[in-house]
Amino acid sequence: MLTDDNRAVLGKLEGVKPHSRWILGETLEVMLHNGVDRPADVAVRMQLPPSTAAYRVRLLRELLGPDLHDPALRLAMMRALRSALPRWRAEAAYAKRRRSKGNRDTCC
């Protein structure tokens, strides 16, 4: 569960399936900590195919809006991710264990 402050900046990611939320959170962390938001830069930093990085960046922009360049928001997101990512990772692992083969959580 996100705190009220964290919910204000990452709340839209809470509605995403666990594995996808974790993957998008990891991608957002790379974007914020490295000051990159171009899919090509994200692809290089995460060692992803460019199309995968472009898809993730597009999803994050759709979910979080165009204000990713605002320094105050970026700092708030970094702080929120620091507390949210370990929980999201654990939730993704739990969901994977419970998931049946026919019910896959795919995103990125």
PDB file of N, CA and C in Angstrom:
ATOM      1  N   MET A   1       0.843  -1.182   0.000  1.00  0.00           N
ATOM      2  CA  MET A   1       0.000   0.000   0.000  1.00  0.00           C
ATOM      3  C   MET A   1       0.886   1.241   0.000  1.00  0.00           C
ATOM      4  N   LEU A   2       0.580   2.165  -0.877  1.00  0.00           N
ATOM      5  CA  LEU A   2       1.335   3.409  -0.949  1.00  0.00           C
ATOM      6  C   LEU A   2       0.859   4.380   0.115  1.00  0.00           C
ATOM      7  N   THR A   3       1.789   5.186   0.627  1.00  0.00           N
ATOM      8  CA  THR A   3       1.392   6.267   1.524  1.00  0.00           C
ATOM      9  C   THR A   3       0.671   7.320   0.701  1.00  0.00           C
ATOM     10  N   ASP A   4       0.032   8.262   1.367  1.00  0.00           N
ATOM     11  CA  ASP A   4      -0.700   9.306   0.641  1.00  0.00           C
ATOM     12  C   ASP A   4       0.217  10.100  -0.276  1.00  0.00           C
ATOM     13  N   ASP A   5       1.417  10.441   0.208  1.00  0.00           N
ATOM     14  CA  ASP A   5       2.358  11.198  -0.620  1.00  0.00           C
ATOM     15  C   ASP A   5       2.790  10.392  -1.839  1.00  0.00           C
ATOM     16  N   ASN A   6       3.096   9.117  -1.622  1.00  0.00           N
ATOM     17  CA  ASN A   6       3.514   8.269  -2.734  1.00  0.00           C
ATOM     18  C   ASN A   6       2.372   8.016  -3.707  1.00  0.00           C
ATOM     19  N   ARG A   7       1.161   7.883  -3.175  1.00  0.00           N
ATOM     20  CA  ARG A   7      -0.002   7.656  -4.028  1.00  0.00           C
ATOM     21  C   ARG A   7      -0.222   8.839  -4.965  1.00  0.00           C
ATOM     22  N   ALA A   8       0.091  10.032  -4.494  1.00  0.00           N
ATOM     23  CA  ALA A   8      -0.100  11.224  -5.322  1.00  0.00           C
ATOM     24  C   ALA A   8       0.765  11.181  -6.573  1.00  0.00           C
ATOM     25  N   VAL A   9       1.951  10.573  -6.489  1.00  0.00           N
ATOM     26  CA  VAL A   9       2.837  10.555  -7.652  1.00  0.00           C
ATOM     27  C   VAL A   9       2.867   9.217  -8.381  1.00  0.00           C
ATOM     28  N   LEU A  10       2.576   8.122  -7.698  1.00  0.00           N
ATOM     29  CA  LEU A  10       2.639   6.801  -8.334  1.00  0.00           C
ATOM     30  C   LEU A  10       1.313   6.059  -8.333  1.00  0.00           C
ATOM     31  N   GLY A  11       0.270   6.694  -7.851  1.00  0.00           N
ATOM     32  CA  GLY A  11      -1.014   6.026  -7.681  1.00  0.00           C
ATOM     33  C   GLY A  11      -1.561   5.367  -8.930  1.00  0.00           C
ATOM     34  N   LYS A  12      -1.312   5.953 -10.085  1.00  0.00           N
ATOM     35  CA  LYS A  12      -1.852   5.371 -11.318  1.00  0.00           C
ATOM     36  C   LYS A  12      -1.210   4.031 -11.645  1.00  0.00           C
ATOM     37  N   LEU A  13      -0.013   3.793 -11.129  1.00  0.00           N
ATOM     38  CA  LEU A  13       0.629   2.498 -11.347  1.00  0.00           C
ATOM     39  C   LEU A  13       0.017   1.408 -10.474  1.00  0.00           C
ATOM     40  N   GLU A  14      -0.660   1.777  -9.409  1.00  0.00           N
ATOM     41  CA  GLU A  14      -1.282   0.787  -8.524  1.00  0.00           C
ATOM     42  C   GLU A  14      -2.362  -0.018  -9.243  1.00  0.00           C
ATOM     43  N   GLY A  15      -2.964   0.537 -10.278  1.00  0.00           N
ATOM     44  CA  GLY A  15      -4.007  -0.166 -11.006  1.00  0.00           C
ATOM     45  C   GLY A  15      -3.489  -1.152 -12.036  1.00  0.00           C
ATOM     46  N   VAL A  16      -2.180  -1.215 -12.210  1.00  0.00           N
ATOM     47  CA  VAL A  16      -1.554  -2.094 -13.196  1.00  0.00           C
ATOM     48  C   VAL A  16      -1.291  -3.454 -12.546  1.00  0.00           C
ATOM     49  N   LYS A  17      -1.365  -4.515 -13.328  1.00  0.00           N
ATOM     50  CA  LYS A  17      -1.114  -5.866 -12.811  1.00  0.00           C
ATOM     51  C   LYS A  17       0.274  -5.937 -12.170  1.00  0.00           C
ATOM     52  N   PRO A  18       0.450  -6.805 -11.166  1.00  0.00           N
ATOM     53  CA  PRO A  18       1.685  -6.806 -10.373  1.00  0.00           C
ATOM     54  C   PRO A  18       2.985  -6.890 -11.174  1.00  0.00           C
ATOM     55  N   HIS A  19       3.087  -7.840 -12.088  1.00  0.00           N
ATOM     56  CA  HIS A  19       4.343  -7.968 -12.837  1.00  0.00           C
ATOM     57  C   HIS A  19       4.589  -6.734 -13.696  1.00  0.00           C
ATOM     58  N   SER A  20       3.562  -6.260 -14.347  1.00  0.00           N
ATOM     59  CA  SER A  20       3.691  -5.080 -15.200  1.00  0.00           C
ATOM     60  C   SER A  20       4.052  -3.849 -14.378  1.00  0.00           C
ATOM     61  N   ARG A  21       3.448  -3.715 -13.204  1.00  0.00           N
ATOM     62  CA  ARG A  21       3.737  -2.573 -12.326  1.00  0.00           C
ATOM     63  C   ARG A  21       5.209  -2.582 -11.918  1.00  0.00           C
ATOM     64  N   TRP A  22       5.718  -3.757 -11.562  1.00  0.00           N
ATOM     65  CA  TRP A  22       7.120  -3.870 -11.167  1.00  0.00           C
ATOM     66  C   TRP A  22       8.044  -3.502 -12.334  1.00  0.00           C
ATOM     67  N   ILE A  23       7.761  -4.045 -13.521  1.00  0.00           N
ATOM     68  CA  ILE A  23       8.589  -3.765 -14.693  1.00  0.00           C
ATOM     69  C   ILE A  23       8.540  -2.275 -15.041  1.00  0.00           C
ATOM     70  N   LEU A  24       7.355  -1.694 -15.026  1.00  0.00           N
ATOM     71  CA  LEU A  24       7.236  -0.260 -15.316  1.00  0.00           C
ATOM     72  C   LEU A  24       7.922   0.572 -14.235  1.00  0.00           C
ATOM     73  N   GLY A  25       7.835   0.139 -12.990  1.00  0.00           N
ATOM     74  CA  GLY A  25       8.526   0.838 -11.909  1.00  0.00           C
ATOM     75  C   GLY A  25      10.033   0.802 -12.091  1.00  0.00           C
ATOM     76  N   GLU A  26      10.569  -0.350 -12.476  1.00  0.00           N
ATOM     77  CA  GLU A  26      12.006  -0.462 -12.747  1.00  0.00           C
ATOM     78  C   GLU A  26      12.409   0.457 -13.897  1.00  0.00           C
ATOM     79  N   THR A  27      11.584   0.507 -14.922  1.00  0.00           N
ATOM     80  CA  THR A  27      11.869   1.372 -16.067  1.00  0.00           C
ATOM     81  C   THR A  27      11.830   2.834 -15.649  1.00  0.00           C
ATOM     82  N   LEU A  28      10.824   3.207 -14.881  1.00  0.00           N
ATOM     83  CA  LEU A  28      10.722   4.585 -14.403  1.00  0.00           C
ATOM     84  C   LEU A  28      11.925   4.948 -13.542  1.00  0.00           C
ATOM     85  N   GLU A  29      12.373   4.025 -12.720  1.00  0.00           N
ATOM     86  CA  GLU A  29      13.546   4.289 -11.882  1.00  0.00           C
ATOM     87  C   GLU A  29      14.772   4.586 -12.744  1.00  0.00           C
ATOM     88  N   VAL A  30      14.978   3.806 -13.791  1.00  0.00           N
ATOM     89  CA  VAL A  30      16.105   4.045 -14.699  1.00  0.00           C
ATOM     90  C   VAL A  30      15.970   5.419 -15.352  1.00  0.00           C
ATOM     91  N   MET A  31      14.764   5.740 -15.791  1.00  0.00           N
ATOM     92  CA  MET A  31      14.536   7.041 -16.429  1.00  0.00           C
ATOM     93  C   MET A  31      14.863   8.181 -15.473  1.00  0.00           C
ATOM     94  N   LEU A  32      14.389   8.086 -14.245  1.00  0.00           N
ATOM     95  CA  LEU A  32      14.561   9.171 -13.285  1.00  0.00           C
ATOM     96  C   LEU A  32      15.998   9.293 -12.796  1.00  0.00           C
ATOM     97  N   HIS A  33      16.621   8.184 -12.468  1.00  0.00           N
ATOM     98  CA  HIS A  33      17.971   8.229 -11.906  1.00  0.00           C
ATOM     99  C   HIS A  33      19.034   8.572 -12.940  1.00  0.00           C
ATOM    100  N   ASN A  34      18.747   8.313 -14.196  1.00  0.00           N
ATOM    101  CA  ASN A  34      19.725   8.590 -15.240  1.00  0.00           C
ATOM    102  C   ASN A  34      19.373   9.816 -16.065  1.00  0.00           C
ATOM    103  N   GLY A  35      18.252  10.437 -15.760  1.00  0.00           N
ATOM    104  CA  GLY A  35      17.857  11.640 -16.483  1.00  0.00           C
ATOM    105  C   GLY A  35      17.563  11.390 -17.950  1.00  0.00           C
ATOM    106  N   VAL A  36      17.056  10.213 -18.254  1.00  0.00           N
ATOM    107  CA  VAL A  36      16.747   9.881 -19.648  1.00  0.00           C
ATOM    108  C   VAL A  36      15.251   9.635 -19.786  1.00  0.00           C
ATOM    109  N   ASP A  37      14.713  10.013 -20.917  1.00  0.00           N
ATOM    110  CA  ASP A  37      13.322   9.661 -21.190  1.00  0.00           C
ATOM    111  C   ASP A  37      13.123   9.293 -22.646  1.00  0.00           C
ATOM    112  N   ARG A  38      14.209   9.311 -23.409  1.00  0.00           N
ATOM    113  CA  ARG A  38      14.110   8.831 -24.787  1.00  0.00           C
ATOM    114  C   ARG A  38      14.176   7.310 -24.765  1.00  0.00           C
ATOM    115  N   PRO A  39      13.285   6.655 -25.487  1.00  0.00           N
ATOM    116  CA  PRO A  39      13.288   5.191 -25.491  1.00  0.00           C
ATOM    117  C   PRO A  39      14.640   4.582 -25.864  1.00  0.00           C
ATOM    118  N   ALA A  40      15.365   5.205 -26.785  1.00  0.00           N
ATOM    119  CA  ALA A  40      16.666   4.653 -27.187  1.00  0.00           C
ATOM    120  C   ALA A  40      17.644   4.646 -26.017  1.00  0.00           C
ATOM    121  N   ASP A  41      17.633   5.705 -25.203  1.00  0.00           N
ATOM    122  CA  ASP A  41      18.512   5.768 -24.032  1.00  0.00           C
ATOM    123  C   ASP A  41      18.103   4.733 -22.985  1.00  0.00           C
ATOM    124  N   VAL A  42      16.804   4.583 -22.786  1.00  0.00           N
ATOM    125  CA  VAL A  42      16.296   3.588 -21.834  1.00  0.00           C
ATOM    126  C   VAL A  42      16.694   2.187 -22.302  1.00  0.00           C
ATOM    127  N   ALA A  43      16.580   1.928 -23.594  1.00  0.00           N
ATOM    128  CA  ALA A  43      16.932   0.617 -24.143  1.00  0.00           C
ATOM    129  C   ALA A  43      18.393   0.285 -23.865  1.00  0.00           C
ATOM    130  N   VAL A  44      19.271   1.252 -24.068  1.00  0.00           N
ATOM    131  CA  VAL A  44      20.698   1.025 -23.830  1.00  0.00           C
ATOM    132  C   VAL A  44      20.958   0.769 -22.350  1.00  0.00           C
ATOM    133  N   ARG A  45      20.406   1.601 -21.491  1.00  0.00           N
ATOM    134  CA  ARG A  45      20.657   1.483 -20.044  1.00  0.00           C
ATOM    135  C   ARG A  45      20.092   0.188 -19.462  1.00  0.00           C
ATOM    136  N   MET A  46      18.973  -0.275 -19.993  1.00  0.00           N
ATOM    137  CA  MET A  46      18.338  -1.486 -19.461  1.00  0.00           C
ATOM    138  C   MET A  46      18.649  -2.732 -20.286  1.00  0.00           C
ATOM    139  N   GLN A  47      19.423  -2.559 -21.355  1.00  0.00           N
ATOM    140  CA  GLN A  47      19.761  -3.654 -22.257  1.00  0.00           C
ATOM    141  C   GLN A  47      18.504  -4.336 -22.786  1.00  0.00           C
ATOM    142  N   LEU A  48      17.614  -3.505 -23.330  1.00  0.00           N
ATOM    143  CA  LEU A  48      16.339  -3.964 -23.880  1.00  0.00           C
ATOM    144  C   LEU A  48      16.303  -3.722 -25.379  1.00  0.00           C
ATOM    145  N   PRO A  49      15.464  -4.461 -26.087  1.00  0.00           N
ATOM    146  CA  PRO A  49      15.213  -4.102 -27.479  1.00  0.00           C
ATOM    147  C   PRO A  49      14.574  -2.711 -27.529  1.00  0.00           C
ATOM    148  N   PRO A  50      14.918  -1.899 -28.519  1.00  0.00           N
ATOM    149  CA  PRO A  50      14.358  -0.547 -28.606  1.00  0.00           C
ATOM    150  C   PRO A  50      12.831  -0.518 -28.604  1.00  0.00           C
ATOM    151  N   SER A  51      12.206  -1.497 -29.235  1.00  0.00           N
ATOM    152  CA  SER A  51      10.739  -1.499 -29.274  1.00  0.00           C
ATOM    153  C   SER A  51      10.143  -1.734 -27.887  1.00  0.00           C
ATOM    154  N   THR A  52      10.779  -2.559 -27.082  1.00  0.00           N
ATOM    155  CA  THR A  52      10.306  -2.807 -25.714  1.00  0.00           C
ATOM    156  C   THR A  52      10.437  -1.548 -24.873  1.00  0.00           C
ATOM    157  N   ALA A  53      11.585  -0.891 -24.980  1.00  0.00           N
ATOM    158  CA  ALA A  53      11.796   0.352 -24.230  1.00  0.00           C
ATOM    159  C   ALA A  53      10.797   1.418 -24.663  1.00  0.00           C
ATOM    160  N   ALA A  54      10.552   1.524 -25.964  1.00  0.00           N
ATOM    161  CA  ALA A  54       9.603   2.524 -26.466  1.00  0.00           C
ATOM    162  C   ALA A  54       8.201   2.254 -25.924  1.00  0.00           C
ATOM    163  N   TYR A  55       7.815   0.995 -25.877  1.00  0.00           N
ATOM    164  CA  TYR A  55       6.498   0.626 -25.353  1.00  0.00           C
ATOM    165  C   TYR A  55       6.376   0.999 -23.880  1.00  0.00           C
ATOM    166  N   ARG A  56       7.391   0.682 -23.097  1.00  0.00           N
ATOM    167  CA  ARG A  56       7.356   0.998 -21.671  1.00  0.00           C
ATOM    168  C   ARG A  56       7.320   2.507 -21.424  1.00  0.00           C
ATOM    169  N   VAL A  57       8.149   3.249 -22.144  1.00  0.00           N
ATOM    170  CA  VAL A  57       8.177   4.709 -21.977  1.00  0.00           C
ATOM    171  C   VAL A  57       6.823   5.299 -22.354  1.00  0.00           C
ATOM    172  N   ARG A  58       6.237   4.801 -23.428  1.00  0.00           N
ATOM    173  CA  ARG A  58       4.918   5.299 -23.842  1.00  0.00           C
ATOM    174  C   ARG A  58       3.868   5.018 -22.767  1.00  0.00           C
ATOM    175  N   LEU A  59       3.871   3.813 -22.221  1.00  0.00           N
ATOM    176  CA  LEU A  59       2.922   3.478 -21.152  1.00  0.00           C
ATOM    177  C   LEU A  59       3.111   4.388 -19.940  1.00  0.00           C
ATOM    178  N   LEU A  60       4.348   4.625 -19.553  1.00  0.00           N
ATOM    179  CA  LEU A  60       4.612   5.490 -18.400  1.00  0.00           C
ATOM    180  C   LEU A  60       4.134   6.911 -18.658  1.00  0.00           C
ATOM    181  N   ARG A  61       4.368   7.400 -19.855  1.00  0.00           N
ATOM    182  CA  ARG A  61       3.894   8.758 -20.184  1.00  0.00           C
ATOM    183  C   ARG A  61       2.372   8.826 -20.154  1.00  0.00           C
ATOM    184  N   GLU A  62       1.715   7.786 -20.655  1.00  0.00           N
ATOM    185  CA  GLU A  62       0.245   7.758 -20.630  1.00  0.00           C
ATOM    186  C   GLU A  62      -0.282   7.702 -19.200  1.00  0.00           C
ATOM    187  N   LEU A  63       0.363   6.912 -18.356  1.00  0.00           N
ATOM    188  CA  LEU A  63      -0.094   6.749 -16.978  1.00  0.00           C
ATOM    189  C   LEU A  63       0.232   7.950 -16.096  1.00  0.00           C
ATOM    190  N   LEU A  64       1.425   8.499 -16.257  1.00  0.00           N
ATOM    191  CA  LEU A  64       1.912   9.518 -15.327  1.00  0.00           C
ATOM    192  C   LEU A  64       1.826  10.935 -15.864  1.00  0.00           C
ATOM    193  N   GLY A  65       1.544  11.076 -17.136  1.00  0.00           N
ATOM    194  CA  GLY A  65       1.386  12.407 -17.697  1.00  0.00           C
ATOM    195  C   GLY A  65       2.690  13.002 -18.201  1.00  0.00           C
ATOM    196  N   PRO A  66       2.588  14.182 -18.746  1.00  0.00           N
ATOM    197  CA  PRO A  66       3.736  14.819 -19.391  1.00  0.00           C
ATOM    198  C   PRO A  66       4.685  15.530 -18.431  1.00  0.00           C
ATOM    199  N   ASP A  67       4.399  15.533 -17.147  1.00  0.00           N
ATOM    200  CA  ASP A  67       5.189  16.312 -16.195  1.00  0.00           C
ATOM    201  C   ASP A  67       6.448  15.604 -15.707  1.00  0.00           C
ATOM    202  N   LEU A  68       6.912  14.604 -16.411  1.00  0.00           N
ATOM    203  CA  LEU A  68       8.087  13.864 -15.971  1.00  0.00           C
ATOM    204  C   LEU A  68       9.356  14.709 -15.979  1.00  0.00           C
ATOM    205  N   HIS A  69       9.304  15.885 -16.575  1.00  0.00           N
ATOM    206  CA  HIS A  69      10.476  16.764 -16.601  1.00  0.00           C
ATOM    207  C   HIS A  69      10.502  17.721 -15.422  1.00  0.00           C
ATOM    208  N   ASP A  70       9.440  17.789 -14.647  1.00  0.00           N
ATOM    209  CA  ASP A  70       9.366  18.684 -13.495  1.00  0.00           C
ATOM    210  C   ASP A  70      10.298  18.161 -12.399  1.00  0.00           C
ATOM    211  N   PRO A  71      11.322  18.935 -12.011  1.00  0.00           N
ATOM    212  CA  PRO A  71      12.292  18.453 -11.018  1.00  0.00           C
ATOM    213  C   PRO A  71      11.660  18.033  -9.690  1.00  0.00           C
ATOM    214  N   ALA A  72      10.690  18.779  -9.210  1.00  0.00           N
ATOM    215  CA  ALA A  72      10.053  18.431  -7.933  1.00  0.00           C
ATOM    216  C   ALA A  72       9.302  17.107  -8.046  1.00  0.00           C
ATOM    217  N   LEU A  73       8.619  16.898  -9.158  1.00  0.00           N
ATOM    218  CA  LEU A  73       7.891  15.643  -9.362  1.00  0.00           C
ATOM    219  C   LEU A  73       8.861  14.481  -9.517  1.00  0.00           C
ATOM    220  N   ARG A  74       9.943  14.698 -10.234  1.00  0.00           N
ATOM    221  CA  ARG A  74      10.949  13.644 -10.411  1.00  0.00           C
ATOM    222  C   ARG A  74      11.505  13.198  -9.056  1.00  0.00           C
ATOM    223  N   LEU A  75      11.809  14.172  -8.193  1.00  0.00           N
ATOM    224  CA  LEU A  75      12.328  13.846  -6.868  1.00  0.00           C
ATOM    225  C   LEU A  75      11.287  13.077  -6.056  1.00  0.00           C
ATOM    226  N   ALA A  76      10.050  13.524  -6.112  1.00  0.00           N
ATOM    227  CA  ALA A  76       8.975  12.832  -5.390  1.00  0.00           C
ATOM    228  C   ALA A  76       8.807  11.406  -5.910  1.00  0.00           C
ATOM    229  N   MET A  77       8.912  11.217  -7.223  1.00  0.00           N
ATOM    230  CA  MET A  77       8.789   9.876  -7.799  1.00  0.00           C
ATOM    231  C   MET A  77       9.953   8.987  -7.370  1.00  0.00           C
ATOM    232  N   MET A  78      11.168   9.544  -7.345  1.00  0.00           N
ATOM    233  CA  MET A  78      12.323   8.751  -6.911  1.00  0.00           C
ATOM    234  C   MET A  78      12.141   8.271  -5.476  1.00  0.00           C
ATOM    235  N   ARG A  79      11.682   9.172  -4.615  1.00  0.00           N
ATOM    236  CA  ARG A  79      11.452   8.797  -3.213  1.00  0.00           C
ATOM    237  C   ARG A  79      10.349   7.748  -3.100  1.00  0.00           C
ATOM    238  N   ALA A  80       9.285   7.939  -3.841  1.00  0.00           N
ATOM    239  CA  ALA A  80       8.168   6.991  -3.795  1.00  0.00           C
ATOM    240  C   ALA A  80       8.591   5.621  -4.325  1.00  0.00           C
ATOM    241  N   LEU A  81       9.367   5.610  -5.394  1.00  0.00           N
ATOM    242  CA  LEU A  81       9.826   4.338  -5.962  1.00  0.00           C
ATOM    243  C   LEU A  81      10.727   3.587  -4.995  1.00  0.00           C
ATOM    244  N   ARG A  82      11.528   4.313  -4.245  1.00  0.00           N
ATOM    245  CA  ARG A  82      12.432   3.667  -3.289  1.00  0.00           C
ATOM    246  C   ARG A  82      11.652   2.781  -2.310  1.00  0.00           C
ATOM    247  N   SER A  83      10.487   3.241  -1.899  1.00  0.00           N
ATOM    248  CA  SER A  83       9.699   2.428  -0.966  1.00  0.00           C
ATOM    249  C   SER A  83       8.758   1.460  -1.685  1.00  0.00           C
ATOM    250  N   ALA A  84       8.326   1.796  -2.886  1.00  0.00           N
ATOM    251  CA  ALA A  84       7.341   0.967  -3.591  1.00  0.00           C
ATOM    252  C   ALA A  84       7.957  -0.223  -4.324  1.00  0.00           C
ATOM    253  N   LEU A  85       9.137  -0.058  -4.911  1.00  0.00           N
ATOM    254  CA  LEU A  85       9.690  -1.121  -5.755  1.00  0.00           C
ATOM    255  C   LEU A  85       9.910  -2.451  -5.035  1.00  0.00           C
ATOM    256  N   PRO A  86      10.444  -2.477  -3.819  1.00  0.00           N
ATOM    257  CA  PRO A  86      10.592  -3.789  -3.163  1.00  0.00           C
ATOM    258  C   PRO A  86       9.250  -4.509  -2.971  1.00  0.00           C
ATOM    259  N   ARG A  87       8.229  -3.754  -2.622  1.00  0.00           N
ATOM    260  CA  ARG A  87       6.902  -4.362  -2.453  1.00  0.00           C
ATOM    261  C   ARG A  87       6.362  -4.833  -3.792  1.00  0.00           C
ATOM    262  N   TRP A  88       6.518  -4.010  -4.833  1.00  0.00           N
ATOM    263  CA  TRP A  88       6.036  -4.394  -6.156  1.00  0.00           C
ATOM    264  C   TRP A  88       6.748  -5.651  -6.646  1.00  0.00           C
ATOM    265  N   ARG A  89       8.052  -5.749  -6.384  1.00  0.00           N
ATOM    266  CA  ARG A  89       8.816  -6.928  -6.787  1.00  0.00           C
ATOM    267  C   ARG A  89       8.264  -8.170  -6.078  1.00  0.00           C
ATOM    268  N   ALA A  90       8.018  -8.050  -4.789  1.00  0.00           N
ATOM    269  CA  ALA A  90       7.473  -9.181  -4.020  1.00  0.00           C
ATOM    270  C   ALA A  90       6.077  -9.559  -4.509  1.00  0.00           C
ATOM    271  N   GLU A  91       5.249  -8.573  -4.797  1.00  0.00           N
ATOM    272  CA  GLU A  91       3.900  -8.854  -5.304  1.00  0.00           C
ATOM    273  C   GLU A  91       3.953  -9.540  -6.661  1.00  0.00           C
ATOM    274  N   ALA A  92       4.902  -9.136  -7.505  1.00  0.00           N
ATOM    275  CA  ALA A  92       5.045  -9.763  -8.819  1.00  0.00           C
ATOM    276  C   ALA A  92       5.461 -11.222  -8.665  1.00  0.00           C
ATOM    277  N   ALA A  93       6.382 -11.492  -7.744  1.00  0.00           N
ATOM    278  CA  ALA A  93       6.823 -12.868  -7.512  1.00  0.00           C
ATOM    279  C   ALA A  93       5.676 -13.717  -6.973  1.00  0.00           C
ATOM    280  N   TYR A  94       4.905 -13.164  -6.062  1.00  0.00           N
ATOM    281  CA  TYR A  94       3.762 -13.883  -5.494  1.00  0.00           C
ATOM    282  C   TYR A  94       2.722 -14.177  -6.577  1.00  0.00           C
ATOM    283  N   ALA A  95       2.436 -13.172  -7.407  1.00  0.00           N
ATOM    284  CA  ALA A  95       1.455 -13.358  -8.481  1.00  0.00           C
ATOM    285  C   ALA A  95       1.933 -14.413  -9.472  1.00  0.00           C
ATOM    286  N   LYS A  96       3.231 -14.435  -9.730  1.00  0.00           N
ATOM    287  CA  LYS A  96       3.774 -15.420 -10.665  1.00  0.00           C
ATOM    288  C   LYS A  96       3.586 -16.838 -10.123  1.00  0.00           C
ATOM    289  N   ARG A  97       3.822 -17.007  -8.834  1.00  0.00           N
ATOM    290  CA  ARG A  97       3.640 -18.334  -8.230  1.00  0.00           C
ATOM    291  C   ARG A  97       2.188 -18.787  -8.299  1.00  0.00           C
ATOM    292  N   ARG A  98       1.263 -17.857  -8.156  1.00  0.00           N
ATOM    293  CA  ARG A  98      -0.167 -18.196  -8.124  1.00  0.00           C
ATOM    294  C   ARG A  98      -0.795 -18.282  -9.512  1.00  0.00           C
ATOM    295  N   ARG A  99      -0.125 -17.715 -10.466  1.00  0.00           N
ATOM    296  CA  ARG A  99      -0.706 -17.615 -11.802  1.00  0.00           C
ATOM    297  C   ARG A  99      -0.730 -18.979 -12.491  1.00  0.00           C
ATOM    298  N   SER A 100      -1.838 -19.254 -13.101  1.00  0.00           N
ATOM    299  CA  SER A 100      -1.916 -20.485 -13.887  1.00  0.00           C
ATOM    300  C   SER A 100      -1.317 -20.221 -15.258  1.00  0.00           C
ATOM    301  N   LYS A 101      -0.960 -21.263 -15.965  1.00  0.00           N
ATOM    302  CA  LYS A 101      -0.343 -21.093 -17.274  1.00  0.00           C
ATOM    303  C   LYS A 101      -1.240 -20.358 -18.254  1.00  0.00           C
ATOM    304  N   GLY A 102      -2.525 -20.501 -18.131  1.00  0.00           N
ATOM    305  CA  GLY A 102      -3.440 -19.860 -19.070  1.00  0.00           C
ATOM    306  C   GLY A 102      -3.775 -18.420 -18.741  1.00  0.00           C
ATOM    307  N   ASN A 103      -3.336 -17.934 -17.598  1.00  0.00           N
ATOM    308  CA  ASN A 103      -3.674 -16.574 -17.167  1.00  0.00           C
ATOM    309  C   ASN A 103      -2.392 -15.778 -16.972  1.00  0.00           C
ATOM    310  N   ARG A 104      -1.794 -15.350 -18.046  1.00  0.00           N
ATOM    311  CA  ARG A 104      -0.516 -14.649 -17.973  1.00  0.00           C
ATOM    312  C   ARG A 104      -0.705 -13.153 -17.835  1.00  0.00           C
ATOM    313  N   ASP A 105       0.151 -12.566 -17.033  1.00  0.00           N
ATOM    314  CA  ASP A 105       0.196 -11.114 -16.849  1.00  0.00           C
ATOM    315  C   ASP A 105       1.303 -10.599 -17.754  1.00  0.00           C
ATOM    316  N   THR A 106       0.939 -10.131 -18.916  1.00  0.00           N
ATOM    317  CA  THR A 106       1.955  -9.667 -19.844  1.00  0.00           C
ATOM    318  C   THR A 106       1.846  -8.174 -20.027  1.00  0.00           C
ATOM    319  N   CYS A 107       2.952  -7.592 -20.235  1.00  0.00           N
ATOM    320  CA  CYS A 107       2.982  -6.148 -20.467  1.00  0.00           C
ATOM    321  C   CYS A 107       4.198  -5.830 -21.286  1.00  0.00           C
ATOM    322  N   CYS A 108       5.321  -6.008 -20.678  1.00  0.00           N
ATOM    323  CA  CYS A 108       6.535  -5.389 -21.199  1.00  0.00           C
ATOM    324  C   CYS A 108       7.595  -6.399 -21.524  1.00  0.00           C
TER     325      CYS A 108
END
